[in-house]
Each structure stands twice: as structure tokens, then as C-alpha cells.
């Protein structure tokens, strides 16, 4: 089988590929096949950091769409416009002047008119690039006066399930003596509902700061969670939200080992890991082997952006009681660190029919490598 990974950067275009094959000894014995497909552009992804929040009219707030992205990776920046909406009226600053419509730029810093009860605003951010446009919205509740202002430190990228989730926060408050905190999950887009119970969390709180720490493995792969921190004192309550996206490891591929059986130490094997997909590229590939019934893992090639094929030898034969089975393992890692492992068993028997010591094999391999170098076959020497 022949595999070739391609990354096509030109979108909204049709492509046609042709594969031609011919016999090595007779070029007239040949055939060709073609495949045509169309590459479509993907929508922009507009992300507003912080989610929904509650604040006071004396406290500035920041609306930030700087984490938005273009999945196609085309050259050029995304341009942004913001619009503010409030039911039955116009969006105004605390001094009563109207908020301009639209506002331009990825980041907007402003204060808004508050009330008791609070006034509820909706902000819509529209990202544009060439002919593509995508919008996202968030809600802001503003109270008259100066309730606590909590902030959560933004996370960089996605979160991996094998790590502790740590959300760090700080709170500015007028009445520190009465300040109290509460973390909640306000939106859970996963296959398993998350509850912030003592068995899930490792949280720490001080007079001026409250952090949320979740144990490893508490979130679900591919899930999306919105956490809210509420800070309350005698003046009022301020809230802030943070959405956490859980990374999905590479999927869809497999590991190939050719041939499926052979001799240890001396025979060459071809390893490849085709078909893997993940939106967080580039992908990195590692190949390793382990004798079935033994614990030692031998890395045949450490992480590399090449999916193979690579040519290598098997550094050990299988055990007779396990029918000489050796497991070849391909580990695929995305750019954010999420990993997937896939494996295949092959039959690896002792060289020369068995009864050969490791020293004899080492001497034979050294001699073969020297012969390869002498004959100008550097690649063959490295494999040996």
C-alpha cells in the first residue's frame, strides 16, 4: 500500500491527482488512476474570552475576541466589529452618552451604565476575512455601584484530560470583610455531567483570591465546560466565566508492519502510521516495540513529524510461551500534547534458528554495518 499525506493550503479549488505505477523490470507494464476532489473553505471561529459576566458601572470591562482563529490558515488578519444591544433602549456609558455602533477592533475596553436591578447587555462580535464572516455573542450584566470584580486568568489553548485543570482568579472588592466566593459549572457540553464535589476538586481560597483546581481525568475528552466564579460582598455580586475546551487526541489511523513475521536483529521491517487526523497539527509519530509477556518498551524511533514508512530491525525476539509475539506500538501526538496509541502484534523469532548468543548477533550486525558503509550504503548501515 502507498500512502502520502498532503496539506492543501489553497481552498475553494478543485484538485485532480494521478498515481502511475510501472513494473521495475518492464516499464511497458504500467497503469494509472486519477482522483478528483474539491477543497472548501471553513468558517472562521470567533471566540470571546471570559464568557458572560456581571460587573458594576464604575468598573471597566474588557471584551476580547483575540483568540479567534481561521481554520484554513490563510494569510491576513481577521477584522472585527462589535455591536451592543439592550432591551428597550440604547447602550450607554455611565455618563449617559451612547456607545458608538459599530465598534472596531478585536478588543474593546469600556464601562457601561448600570442599574438596580442590573441592566442586561448583549454584545455581538463579527469576524471578517475576505468573503467569510462569523459572529459570536456574550451577555454582560451591569449593576449600579461597585460590586466585586472577579477575573479569571485566560487559559492558553485547549486542555488535556491527563493534566490538572487550574483556573486562577483574582477579585477586586470594596468590602473585603464580607467577600465570599462560589464556583459553578454553568454549561456542560460533554457526555458526563461534571459536579464540583470534593472528590473532583482541589481548590484553594484566600481573602483576595480563589482558585479552582480539578484532579486529572475529571473532564471528558472532547467536552466543553463553562465555569463561573461569583464573588459577593455587602454591595452586590460580580461574576465572570471561563470556557474550557478539552482536547481530542488524534484519531482515524492505524499502524502498519511489513512483513508481519520475521527474524530478530537481522531482518528489516517497514513501519508506518497512516490515516491519522487531528485539527491541532502538526502531528508527531513515535514507534516502539515490546515483547509480549515482558515489560520493557524499546523506542525504535522517537517522535518525528514523519508518519513513515521507516525501516528498522526488531531488537528482540518474542518469548516461546507467547508464540514469539512482539507488539509494535505507534504513538501519535498532536501539537497540544494529546496522544493516541495503536498497536499490532507480529511474530519475531530468533535469528539463525535460535541458539545464537547476543554477543554473536552483535558481532554479526557490526560486521554487516561495516560492509554497508564500505559499499557506500549509509542508510543501510544506520538501520543495522
Protein backbone atom coordinates (compact mmCIF):
# COMPACT_ATOMS: atom_id res chain seq x y z
CA UNK A 1 0.00 0.00 0.00
CA UNK A 2 1.15 3.56 -0.74
CA UNK A 3 0.28 6.49 1.50
CA UNK A 4 1.06 10.17 1.07
CA UNK A 5 -0.07 12.89 3.47
CA UNK A 6 -0.92 16.23 1.85
CA UNK A 7 -1.79 19.61 3.32
CA UNK A 8 -3.51 21.75 0.70
CA UNK A 9 -3.46 25.45 1.55
CA UNK A 10 -5.47 26.71 -1.45
CA UNK A 11 -9.20 26.47 -0.75
CA UNK A 12 -12.32 26.74 -2.91
CA UNK A 13 -10.42 24.97 -5.68
CA UNK A 14 -10.69 21.61 -7.40
CA UNK A 15 -7.74 19.21 -7.45
CA UNK A 16 -7.00 16.17 -9.57
CA UNK A 17 -4.25 13.71 -8.63
CA UNK A 18 -2.90 10.92 -10.76
CA UNK A 19 -1.00 7.88 -9.49
CA UNK A 20 1.06 6.00 -12.06
CA UNK A 21 2.75 2.65 -11.44
CA UNK A 22 5.02 0.51 -13.58
CA UNK A 23 6.97 -2.72 -13.20
CA UNK A 24 10.59 -2.15 -12.24
CA UNK A 25 11.89 -4.53 -14.89
CA UNK A 26 9.40 -3.67 -17.62
CA UNK A 27 8.19 -0.06 -17.91
CA UNK A 28 5.62 -1.07 -20.54
CA UNK A 29 3.64 -2.91 -17.88
CA UNK A 30 2.04 0.14 -16.30
CA UNK A 31 -1.26 1.57 -15.10
CA UNK A 32 -2.60 4.87 -13.81
CA UNK A 33 -5.53 6.05 -11.68
CA UNK A 34 -6.89 9.52 -11.01
CA UNK A 35 -8.89 11.05 -8.17
CA UNK A 36 -10.61 14.46 -8.17
CA UNK A 37 -11.95 16.42 -5.22
CA UNK A 38 -12.86 19.95 -4.16
CA UNK A 39 -11.40 21.75 -1.12
CA UNK A 40 -13.91 24.05 0.58
CA UNK A 41 -13.06 26.92 2.91
CA UNK A 42 -14.06 26.54 6.55
CA UNK A 43 -15.95 29.14 8.61
CA UNK A 44 -13.99 31.47 10.86
CA UNK A 45 -14.11 30.59 14.57
CA UNK A 46 -14.94 33.67 16.66
CA UNK A 47 -14.15 33.24 20.37
CA UNK A 48 -14.99 35.85 23.03
CA UNK A 49 -12.81 35.35 26.10
CA UNK A 50 -14.43 35.44 29.52
CA UNK A 51 -17.96 34.41 28.60
CA UNK A 52 -20.88 36.08 30.32
CA UNK A 53 -20.15 38.33 33.31
CA UNK A 54 -21.65 40.65 35.93
CA UNK A 55 -19.97 43.88 36.96
CA UNK A 56 -20.60 47.40 38.23
CA UNK A 57 -20.96 50.66 36.33
CA UNK A 58 -17.81 52.01 37.95
CA UNK A 59 -15.73 49.04 36.81
CA UNK A 60 -14.26 48.83 33.31
CA UNK A 61 -14.79 45.60 31.41
CA UNK A 62 -12.85 44.09 28.54
CA UNK A 63 -14.36 42.22 25.60
CA UNK A 64 -11.67 40.21 23.86
CA UNK A 65 -12.04 38.27 20.59
CA UNK A 66 -8.29 37.93 20.09
CA UNK A 67 -8.41 34.14 20.49
CA UNK A 68 -10.48 33.77 17.31
CA UNK A 69 -8.92 31.77 14.50
CA UNK A 70 -9.04 30.87 10.83
CA UNK A 71 -9.07 27.04 10.45
CA UNK A 72 -7.82 27.41 6.85
CA UNK A 73 -4.75 29.33 7.98
CA UNK A 74 -4.96 31.77 5.08
CA UNK A 75 -2.70 34.82 5.16
CA UNK A 76 -4.07 38.04 6.64
CA UNK A 77 -5.73 39.06 9.89
CA UNK A 78 -9.33 38.70 10.94
CA UNK A 79 -11.08 42.08 11.29
CA UNK A 80 -13.73 42.57 13.98
CA UNK A 81 -16.78 44.77 14.56
CA UNK A 82 -18.80 44.85 17.79
CA UNK A 83 -22.43 45.85 18.32
CA UNK A 84 -24.17 46.40 21.66
CA UNK A 85 -27.86 45.67 22.33
CA UNK A 86 -30.12 46.29 25.34
CA UNK A 87 -33.83 45.58 25.53
CA UNK A 88 -36.00 48.69 25.11
CA UNK A 89 -33.19 51.22 24.85
CA UNK A 90 -29.69 52.17 23.76
CA UNK A 91 -26.36 51.09 25.17
CA UNK A 92 -24.83 53.94 27.15
CA UNK A 93 -21.70 54.75 29.12
CA UNK A 94 -22.05 55.61 32.86
CA UNK A 95 -22.09 59.34 31.93
CA UNK A 96 -25.15 58.80 29.73
CA UNK A 97 -23.53 59.12 26.28
CA UNK A 98 -24.34 56.45 23.72
CA UNK A 99 -21.97 53.63 22.91
CA UNK A 100 -20.90 54.01 19.23
CA UNK A 101 -22.19 51.40 16.78
CA UNK A 102 -20.30 49.51 15.48
CA UNK A 103 -17.04 49.40 17.43
CA UNK A 104 -14.00 48.14 15.54
CA UNK A 105 -11.12 46.00 16.76
CA UNK A 106 -10.60 42.62 18.41
CA UNK A 107 -10.51 44.07 21.95
CA UNK A 108 -12.95 46.58 23.47
CA UNK A 109 -12.40 48.17 26.90
CA UNK A 110 -15.35 50.18 28.23
CA UNK A 111 -17.67 50.89 31.17
CA UNK A 112 -21.45 50.71 30.89
CA UNK A 113 -24.43 52.32 32.58
CA UNK A 114 -25.71 50.22 35.47
CA UNK A 115 -28.95 49.93 37.36
CA UNK A 116 -30.74 48.29 40.30
CA UNK A 117 -31.85 45.77 39.26
CA UNK A 118 -28.93 45.25 36.91
CA UNK A 119 -29.12 46.23 33.24
CA UNK A 120 -28.51 43.36 30.82
CA UNK A 121 -26.48 43.95 27.63
CA UNK A 122 -25.72 41.69 24.66
CA UNK A 123 -22.56 42.18 22.62
CA UNK A 124 -22.15 40.61 19.18
CA UNK A 125 -18.68 40.29 17.68
CA UNK A 126 -18.43 39.67 13.92
CA UNK A 127 -15.16 38.41 12.49
CA UNK A 128 -14.48 39.01 8.78
CA UNK A 129 -11.80 37.80 6.40
CA UNK A 130 -12.20 38.17 2.64
CA UNK A 131 -15.70 36.79 1.89
CA UNK A 132 -16.10 34.87 5.15
CA UNK A 133 -17.98 36.22 8.18
CA UNK A 134 -18.81 34.60 11.51
CA UNK A 135 -20.47 36.08 14.61
CA UNK A 136 -20.47 35.22 18.31
CA UNK A 137 -22.20 36.87 21.26
CA UNK A 138 -21.87 37.32 25.01
CA UNK A 139 -24.01 38.88 27.74
CA UNK A 140 -22.99 41.46 30.36
CA UNK A 141 -25.00 42.38 33.46
CA UNK A 142 -24.16 45.80 34.99
CA UNK A 143 -25.21 46.91 38.49
CA UNK A 144 -25.15 50.48 39.75
CA UNK A 145 -22.30 50.91 42.22
CA UNK A 146 -19.17 48.84 42.81
CA UNK A 147 -19.83 45.14 43.42
CA UNK A 148 -16.81 42.80 43.44
CA UNK A 149 -14.95 42.43 40.14
CA UNK A 150 -13.62 38.88 39.67
CA UNK A 151 -11.15 37.97 36.91
CA UNK A 152 -10.01 34.55 35.67
CA UNK A 153 -6.60 34.21 34.06
CA UNK A 154 -7.16 33.03 30.45
CA UNK A 155 -6.00 29.53 29.52
CA UNK A 156 -3.67 29.07 26.56
CA UNK A 157 -5.29 26.75 24.02
CA UNK A 158 -7.12 23.55 24.89
CA UNK A 159 -6.87 21.35 27.95
CA UNK A 160 -5.66 17.72 28.05
CA UNK A 161 -7.54 15.23 30.23
CA UNK A 162 -4.37 13.80 31.80
CA UNK A 163 -3.50 17.18 33.38
CA UNK A 164 -4.83 19.03 36.41
CA UNK A 165 -7.12 21.89 35.44
CA UNK A 166 -6.16 25.04 37.33
CA UNK A 167 -8.25 28.20 36.97
CA UNK A 168 -6.53 31.11 38.69
CA UNK A 169 -8.53 34.15 39.65
CA UNK A 170 -8.34 37.46 41.48
CA UNK A 171 -11.08 39.67 42.90
CA UNK A 172 -11.23 43.43 43.49
CA UNK A 173 -13.80 44.36 46.14
CA UNK A 174 -14.77 47.38 48.22
CA UNK A 175 -16.00 45.36 51.22
CA UNK A 176 -13.33 42.69 51.58
CA UNK A 177 -14.54 41.64 55.05
CA UNK A 178 -17.81 40.25 53.64
CA UNK A 179 -16.36 38.80 50.47
CA UNK A 180 -17.43 35.24 49.56
CA UNK A 181 -16.79 33.04 46.51
CA UNK A 182 -18.66 30.34 44.63
CA UNK A 183 -17.55 28.28 41.62
CA UNK A 184 -20.20 26.60 39.46
CA UNK A 185 -20.44 24.84 36.10
CA UNK A 186 -23.00 26.86 34.12
CA UNK A 187 -22.69 24.92 30.85
CA UNK A 188 -21.52 21.37 30.25
CA UNK A 189 -21.22 20.10 26.68
CA UNK A 190 -19.92 16.61 27.38
CA UNK A 191 -21.16 13.06 27.71
CA UNK A 192 -20.83 13.06 31.51
CA UNK A 193 -22.17 15.80 33.81
CA UNK A 194 -19.48 17.46 35.94
CA UNK A 195 -20.21 18.28 39.57
CA UNK A 196 -17.73 20.28 41.66
CA UNK A 197 -17.67 17.86 44.58
CA UNK A 198 -14.70 17.34 46.97
CA UNK A 199 -13.70 14.20 45.07
CA UNK A 200 -13.37 16.21 41.87
CA UNK A 201 -11.83 19.47 43.05
CA UNK A 202 -8.68 20.57 44.84
CA UNK A 203 -9.49 24.25 45.38
CA UNK A 204 -7.72 26.86 47.45
CA UNK A 205 -9.10 30.22 48.58
CA UNK A 206 -7.65 33.26 50.32
CA UNK A 207 -9.11 36.59 51.31
CA UNK A 208 -8.26 38.13 47.94
CA UNK A 209 -8.05 35.13 45.62
CA UNK A 210 -9.98 31.95 44.86
CA UNK A 211 -8.57 29.31 42.53
CA UNK A 212 -10.28 26.20 41.20
CA UNK A 213 -8.20 23.06 40.70
CA UNK A 214 -9.65 19.84 39.26
CA UNK A 215 -7.99 16.46 39.57
CA UNK A 216 -6.63 14.69 36.50
CA UNK A 217 -9.17 12.76 34.46
CA UNK A 218 -12.23 14.63 35.72
CA UNK A 219 -13.11 16.14 32.33
CA UNK A 220 -14.26 14.23 29.26
CA UNK A 221 -12.29 14.16 26.02
CA UNK A 222 -13.95 16.47 23.51
CA UNK A 223 -16.09 18.15 26.16
CA UNK A 224 -16.63 21.88 26.56
CA UNK A 225 -17.23 23.33 30.01
CA UNK A 226 -18.09 26.87 31.11
CA UNK A 227 -17.08 27.65 34.70
CA UNK A 228 -18.39 30.67 36.59
CA UNK A 229 -16.84 32.42 39.56
CA UNK A 230 -19.24 34.55 41.61
CA UNK A 231 -17.82 36.99 44.16
CA UNK A 232 -20.28 38.64 46.55
CA UNK A 233 -19.99 41.27 49.27
CA UNK A 234 -22.39 43.64 51.04
CA UNK A 235 -22.60 45.84 47.91
CA UNK A 236 -23.52 43.21 45.36
CA UNK A 237 -22.33 40.25 43.29
CA UNK A 238 -19.90 40.15 40.39
CA UNK A 239 -19.45 37.14 38.12
CA UNK A 240 -17.05 36.04 35.42
CA UNK A 241 -16.97 32.94 33.24
CA UNK A 242 -14.30 30.85 31.54
CA UNK A 243 -14.93 28.22 28.87
CA UNK A 244 -12.58 25.24 28.82
CA UNK A 245 -12.34 23.09 25.68
CA UNK A 246 -10.96 19.59 26.22
CA UNK A 247 -8.56 18.44 23.55
CA UNK A 248 -9.37 15.44 21.37
CA UNK A 249 -6.37 13.20 20.58
CA UNK A 250 -5.54 12.11 17.02
CA UNK A 251 -7.90 9.52 15.54
CA UNK A 252 -8.72 7.54 12.42
CA UNK A 253 -5.34 5.94 11.74
CA UNK A 254 -3.57 2.66 12.27
CA UNK A 255 -0.09 1.12 12.34
CA UNK A 256 1.36 -0.98 9.54
CA UNK A 257 4.19 -3.51 9.99
CA UNK A 258 5.67 -5.24 6.95
CA UNK A 259 6.31 -8.15 6.93
CA UNK A 260 4.05 -9.47 9.68
CA UNK A 261 6.60 -12.04 10.82
CA UNK A 262 10.35 -12.43 10.64
CA UNK A 263 13.67 -12.68 12.45
CA UNK A 264 15.01 -10.55 15.27
CA UNK A 265 18.20 -8.46 14.96
CA UNK A 266 18.88 -9.11 11.29
CA UNK A 267 15.70 -8.73 9.23
CA UNK A 268 14.46 -5.32 8.12
CA UNK A 269 10.87 -4.27 8.83
CA UNK A 270 8.89 -1.33 7.45
CA UNK A 271 6.74 0.63 9.92
CA UNK A 272 4.17 3.32 9.12
CA UNK A 273 1.27 5.09 10.84
CA UNK A 274 -1.06 6.34 8.07
CA UNK A 275 -4.51 7.86 8.25
CA UNK A 276 -4.27 9.92 11.46
CA UNK A 277 -6.25 13.15 11.69
CA UNK A 278 -6.42 15.99 14.21
CA UNK A 279 -7.20 19.70 13.94
CA UNK A 280 -4.19 20.61 16.09
CA UNK A 281 -1.31 19.99 13.71
CA UNK A 282 1.46 19.14 13.13
CA UNK A 283 1.20 15.54 14.30
CA UNK A 284 4.21 13.71 15.72
CA UNK A 285 4.80 9.96 15.49
CA UNK A 286 6.78 7.55 17.68
CA UNK A 287 7.39 3.85 17.01
CA UNK A 288 8.27 1.36 19.74
CA UNK A 289 8.17 -2.37 20.45
CA UNK A 290 7.54 -4.58 23.45
CA UNK A 291 7.94 -8.32 23.79
CA UNK A 292 4.59 -9.85 24.80
CA UNK A 293 5.00 -11.06 28.37
CA UNK A 294 7.78 -8.57 29.17
CA UNK A 295 7.61 -5.01 30.50
CA UNK A 296 10.46 -3.26 28.70
CA UNK A 297 9.44 -0.81 25.98
CA UNK A 298 12.07 -0.17 23.30
CA UNK A 299 11.75 3.04 21.26
CA UNK A 300 12.52 2.27 17.61
CA UNK A 301 12.18 5.92 16.53
CA UNK A 302 11.34 8.83 18.80
CA UNK A 303 8.75 11.48 17.98
CA UNK A 304 9.07 12.89 14.48
CA UNK A 305 6.65 14.70 12.13
CA UNK A 306 7.05 11.82 9.64
CA UNK A 307 4.42 9.08 9.70
CA UNK A 308 6.76 6.69 7.90
CA UNK A 309 7.42 4.32 6.45
CA UNK A 310 10.64 3.81 8.38
CA UNK A 311 12.96 0.82 8.03
CA UNK A 312 14.23 -0.80 11.20
CA UNK A 313 15.12 -4.11 12.82
CA UNK A 314 13.40 -5.77 15.76
CA UNK A 315 15.75 -5.58 18.76
CA UNK A 316 14.42 -8.73 20.44
CA UNK A 317 12.60 -11.94 19.59
CA UNK A 318 9.33 -12.94 21.23
CA UNK A 319 9.02 -15.50 24.02
CA UNK A 320 8.27 -19.10 23.05
CA UNK A 321 5.41 -19.27 25.57
CA UNK A 322 3.82 -16.26 23.81
CA UNK A 323 4.27 -17.73 20.32
CA UNK A 324 7.14 -15.27 19.73
CA UNK A 325 4.72 -12.33 19.71
CA UNK A 326 6.11 -8.80 19.76
CA UNK A 327 3.84 -5.74 19.95
CA UNK A 328 4.69 -2.81 17.70
CA UNK A 329 3.26 0.43 19.10
CA UNK A 330 2.71 3.71 17.27
CA UNK A 331 2.07 6.75 19.47
CA UNK A 332 0.59 9.77 17.70
CA UNK A 333 0.71 13.18 19.41
CA UNK A 334 -0.92 16.43 18.34
CA UNK A 335 0.61 19.89 18.71
CA UNK A 336 -1.07 20.39 22.11
CA UNK A 337 0.18 17.13 23.60
CA UNK A 338 -2.87 14.84 23.34
CA UNK A 339 -1.78 11.28 22.47
CA UNK A 340 -3.25 8.14 20.96
CA UNK A 341 -1.64 4.72 20.91
CA UNK A 342 -2.31 1.92 18.48
CA UNK A 343 -0.60 -1.45 18.32
CA UNK A 344 -0.16 -4.55 16.23
CA UNK A 345 1.36 -7.90 17.13
CA UNK A 346 3.92 -9.57 14.88
CA UNK A 347 5.78 -12.86 15.19
CA UNK A 348 9.52 -12.36 15.76
CA UNK A 349 11.64 -15.49 16.05
CA UNK A 350 15.33 -15.85 16.98
CA UNK A 351 17.87 -15.36 14.20
CA UNK A 352 19.57 -18.33 12.55
CA UNK A 353 17.02 -20.74 14.04
CA UNK A 354 17.87 -19.91 17.66
CA UNK A 355 20.76 -20.92 19.85
CA UNK A 356 22.78 -17.80 18.98
CA UNK A 357 24.14 -15.59 21.75
CA UNK A 358 23.59 -11.83 21.89
CA UNK A 359 27.37 -11.34 21.51
CA UNK A 360 27.41 -13.32 18.26
CA UNK A 361 24.47 -11.27 16.92
CA UNK A 362 26.18 -8.03 17.88
CA UNK A 363 29.37 -9.05 16.11
CA UNK A 364 27.41 -10.04 13.01
CA UNK A 365 25.49 -6.73 12.96
CA UNK A 366 28.71 -4.75 13.39
CA UNK A 367 30.30 -6.62 10.52
CA UNK A 368 27.23 -6.05 8.32
CA UNK A 369 27.16 -2.35 9.14
CA UNK A 370 30.86 -2.04 8.27
CA UNK A 371 30.26 -3.78 4.95
CA UNK A 372 27.36 -1.42 4.21
CA UNK A 373 29.49 1.64 4.91
CA UNK A 374 32.33 0.25 2.80
CA UNK A 375 29.89 -0.18 -0.10
CA UNK A 376 28.51 3.37 0.29
CA UNK A 377 25.17 2.32 1.81
CA UNK A 378 24.95 4.79 4.72
CA UNK A 379 21.22 4.30 5.18
CA UNK A 380 21.60 0.57 5.39
CA UNK A 381 24.34 0.94 7.98
CA UNK A 382 22.11 3.14 10.14
CA UNK A 383 19.32 0.58 10.02
CA UNK A 384 21.70 -2.12 11.12
